[in-house]
C-alpha atoms as a PDB file:
ATOM      1  CA  MET A   1      52.782  81.145  94.424  1.00  0.00           C
ATOM      2  CA  CYS A   2      55.893  79.455  95.688  1.00  0.00           C
ATOM      3  CA  GLY A   3      58.243  81.705  93.716  1.00  0.00           C
ATOM      4  CA  LEU A   4      60.176  78.977  91.891  1.00  0.00           C
ATOM      5  CA  GLU A   5      60.882  80.231  88.367  1.00  0.00           C
ATOM      6  CA  MET A   6      61.500  77.955  85.392  1.00  0.00           C
ATOM      7  CA  ALA A   7      62.571  78.764  81.846  1.00  0.00           C
ATOM      8  CA  GLY A   8      60.269  77.269  79.259  1.00  0.00           C
ATOM      9  CA  SER A   9      59.689  77.311  75.543  1.00  0.00           C
ATOM     10  CA  VAL A  10      56.829  79.766  76.068  1.00  0.00           C
ATOM     11  CA  GLY A  11      58.743  82.102  78.334  1.00  0.00           C
ATOM     12  CA  SER A  12      59.285  82.201  82.064  1.00  0.00           C
ATOM     13  CA  LEU A  13      56.952  79.977  84.095  1.00  0.00           C
ATOM     14  CA  VAL A  14      56.043  80.273  87.760  1.00  0.00           C
ATOM     15  CA  VAL A  15      55.243  77.111  89.735  1.00  0.00           C
ATOM     16  CA  THR A  16      52.196  77.356  91.997  1.00  0.00           C
ATOM     17  CA  GLU A  17      50.478  74.886  94.290  1.00  0.00           C
ATOM     18  CA  PRO A  18      47.666  72.888  92.667  1.00  0.00           C
ATOM     19  CA  SER A  19      44.106  73.792  93.503  1.00  0.00           C
ATOM     20  CA  VAL A  20      40.915  71.787  93.353  1.00  0.00           C
ATOM     21  CA  ARG A  21      38.765  72.780  90.390  1.00  0.00           C
ATOM     22  CA  TYR A  22      35.329  71.553  89.539  1.00  0.00           C
ATOM     23  CA  PHE A  23      33.513  71.562  86.209  1.00  0.00           C
ATOM     24  CA  GLU A  24      31.481  74.594  87.306  1.00  0.00           C
ATOM     25  CA  ASP A  25      34.749  76.509  87.817  1.00  0.00           C
ATOM     26  CA  LEU A  26      35.815  76.213  84.164  1.00  0.00           C
ATOM     27  CA  VAL A  27      35.511  79.282  81.963  1.00  0.00           C
ATOM     28  CA  VAL A  28      35.056  78.987  78.189  1.00  0.00           C
ATOM     29  CA  GLY A  29      38.279  80.014  76.465  1.00  0.00           C
ATOM     30  CA  GLU A  30      40.386  79.782  79.628  1.00  0.00           C
ATOM     31  CA  GLU A  31      43.869  78.300  79.190  1.00  0.00           C
ATOM     32  CA  GLU A  32      45.870  76.272  81.689  1.00  0.00           C
ATOM     33  CA  TRP A  33      49.572  75.608  81.533  1.00  0.00           C
ATOM     34  CA  GLY A  34      51.075  72.326  82.627  1.00  0.00           C
ATOM     35  CA  ILE A  35      53.923  69.928  82.304  1.00  0.00           C
ATOM     36  CA  GLU A  36      54.501  68.652  78.786  1.00  0.00           C
ATOM     37  CA  GLU A  37      54.190  64.890  78.382  1.00  0.00           C
ATOM     38  CA  VAL A  38      55.375  63.136  75.232  1.00  0.00           C
ATOM     39  CA  ALA A  39      54.111  59.679  74.296  1.00  0.00           C
ATOM     40  CA  VAL A  40      56.940  57.432  73.128  1.00  0.00           C
ATOM     41  CA  GLU A  41      55.969  54.363  71.096  1.00  0.00           C
ATOM     42  CA  GLU A  42      58.481  52.104  72.853  1.00  0.00           C
ATOM     43  CA  ASP A  43      57.137  53.137  76.287  1.00  0.00           C
ATOM     44  CA  MET A  44      53.568  52.691  75.040  1.00  0.00           C
ATOM     45  CA  ILE A  45      54.316  49.126  73.900  1.00  0.00           C
ATOM     46  CA  ASP A  46      56.230  48.290  77.109  1.00  0.00           C
ATOM     47  CA  TYR A  47      53.242  49.454  79.163  1.00  0.00           C
ATOM     48  CA  ALA A  48      50.848  47.368  77.046  1.00  0.00           C
ATOM     49  CA  ILE A  49      53.036  44.243  77.286  1.00  0.00           C
ATOM     50  CA  ARG A  50      52.841  44.476  81.087  1.00  0.00           C
ATOM     51  CA  TYR A  51      49.253  45.622  81.619  1.00  0.00           C
ATOM     52  CA  ASP A  52      47.131  45.329  78.444  1.00  0.00           C
ATOM     53  CA  PRO A  53      48.702  42.867  75.980  1.00  0.00           C
ATOM     54  CA  TRP A  54      46.098  42.951  73.214  1.00  0.00           C
ATOM     55  CA  PRO A  55      47.567  42.651  69.675  1.00  0.00           C
ATOM     56  CA  HIS A  56      46.438  46.171  68.677  1.00  0.00           C
ATOM     57  CA  HIS A  57      48.600  47.526  71.534  1.00  0.00           C
ATOM     58  CA  VAL A  58      51.748  45.386  71.181  1.00  0.00           C
ATOM     59  CA  ASP A  59      52.057  43.955  67.634  1.00  0.00           C
ATOM     60  CA  ALA A  60      52.363  46.468  64.769  1.00  0.00           C
ATOM     61  CA  ASP A  61      51.676  43.842  62.069  1.00  0.00           C
ATOM     62  CA  ALA A  62      48.567  42.515  63.799  1.00  0.00           C
ATOM     63  CA  ALA A  63      47.422  46.067  64.568  1.00  0.00           C
ATOM     64  CA  ARG A  64      47.477  46.971  60.844  1.00  0.00           C
ATOM     65  CA  GLU A  65      44.772  44.353  60.290  1.00  0.00           C
ATOM     66  CA  THR A  66      42.399  45.950  62.812  1.00  0.00           C
ATOM     67  CA  PRO A  67      39.908  48.765  62.123  1.00  0.00           C
ATOM     68  CA  PHE A  68      42.467  51.113  63.752  1.00  0.00           C
ATOM     69  CA  GLY A  69      45.002  50.430  61.002  1.00  0.00           C
ATOM     70  CA  GLY A  70      47.965  50.445  63.376  1.00  0.00           C
ATOM     71  CA  LEU A  71      49.085  50.413  66.971  1.00  0.00           C
ATOM     72  CA  ILE A  72      46.946  52.252  69.482  1.00  0.00           C
ATOM     73  CA  ALA A  73      47.784  53.109  73.062  1.00  0.00           C
ATOM     74  CA  SER A  74      46.159  51.282  75.924  1.00  0.00           C
ATOM     75  CA  SER A  75      43.622  53.452  77.738  1.00  0.00           C
ATOM     76  CA  GLY A  76      45.697  53.045  80.907  1.00  0.00           C
ATOM     77  CA  TYR A  77      48.767  54.413  79.135  1.00  0.00           C
ATOM     78  CA  SER A  78      46.719  57.238  77.645  1.00  0.00           C
ATOM     79  CA  ILE A  79      45.282  58.401  80.967  1.00  0.00           C
ATOM     80  CA  GLN A  80      48.465  58.273  83.059  1.00  0.00           C
ATOM     81  CA  PRO A  81      49.933  61.589  81.779  1.00  0.00           C
ATOM     82  CA  LEU A  82      46.658  63.350  82.603  1.00  0.00           C
ATOM     83  CA  VAL A  83      46.697  61.942  86.125  1.00  0.00           C
ATOM     84  CA  PHE A  84      50.355  62.921  86.568  1.00  0.00           C
ATOM     85  CA  VAL A  85      49.820  66.458  85.310  1.00  0.00           C
ATOM     86  CA  ARG A  86      46.714  67.029  87.455  1.00  0.00           C
ATOM     87  CA  ARG A  87      48.556  65.801  90.555  1.00  0.00           C
ATOM     88  CA  SER A  88      51.689  67.831  89.850  1.00  0.00           C
ATOM     89  CA  TRP A  89      52.287  71.497  90.467  1.00  0.00           C
ATOM     90  CA  ARG A  90      50.377  73.838  88.238  1.00  0.00           C
ATOM     91  CA  LEU A  91      52.449  75.984  85.916  1.00  0.00           C
ATOM     92  CA  GLU A  92      51.263  79.430  84.908  1.00  0.00           C
ATOM     93  CA  PRO A  93      52.899  81.996  82.675  1.00  0.00           C
ATOM     94  CA  SER A  94      54.501  84.735  84.737  1.00  0.00           C
ATOM     95  CA  GLY A  95      53.477  88.202  83.892  1.00  0.00           C
END
């Protein structure tokens, strides 16, 4: 652990260096703590306009006419928080 303490909504968090984990390392019921990412509709649409400008990503009226019934995020926008969190420091509850 690097010893940097942060106050969080779930108590005090300690920042540790990330480690490589493989599927075989996962334990059923295990919890991991990480950085919270919030999807913002405006950011989602801005991303889609630049990288994935399909109507169901950028036009709310057109998206209502699709089987989705409304706007959906581009897969690229959806995966970027996961990539960011996995590459960032790992946060664990201090105890």
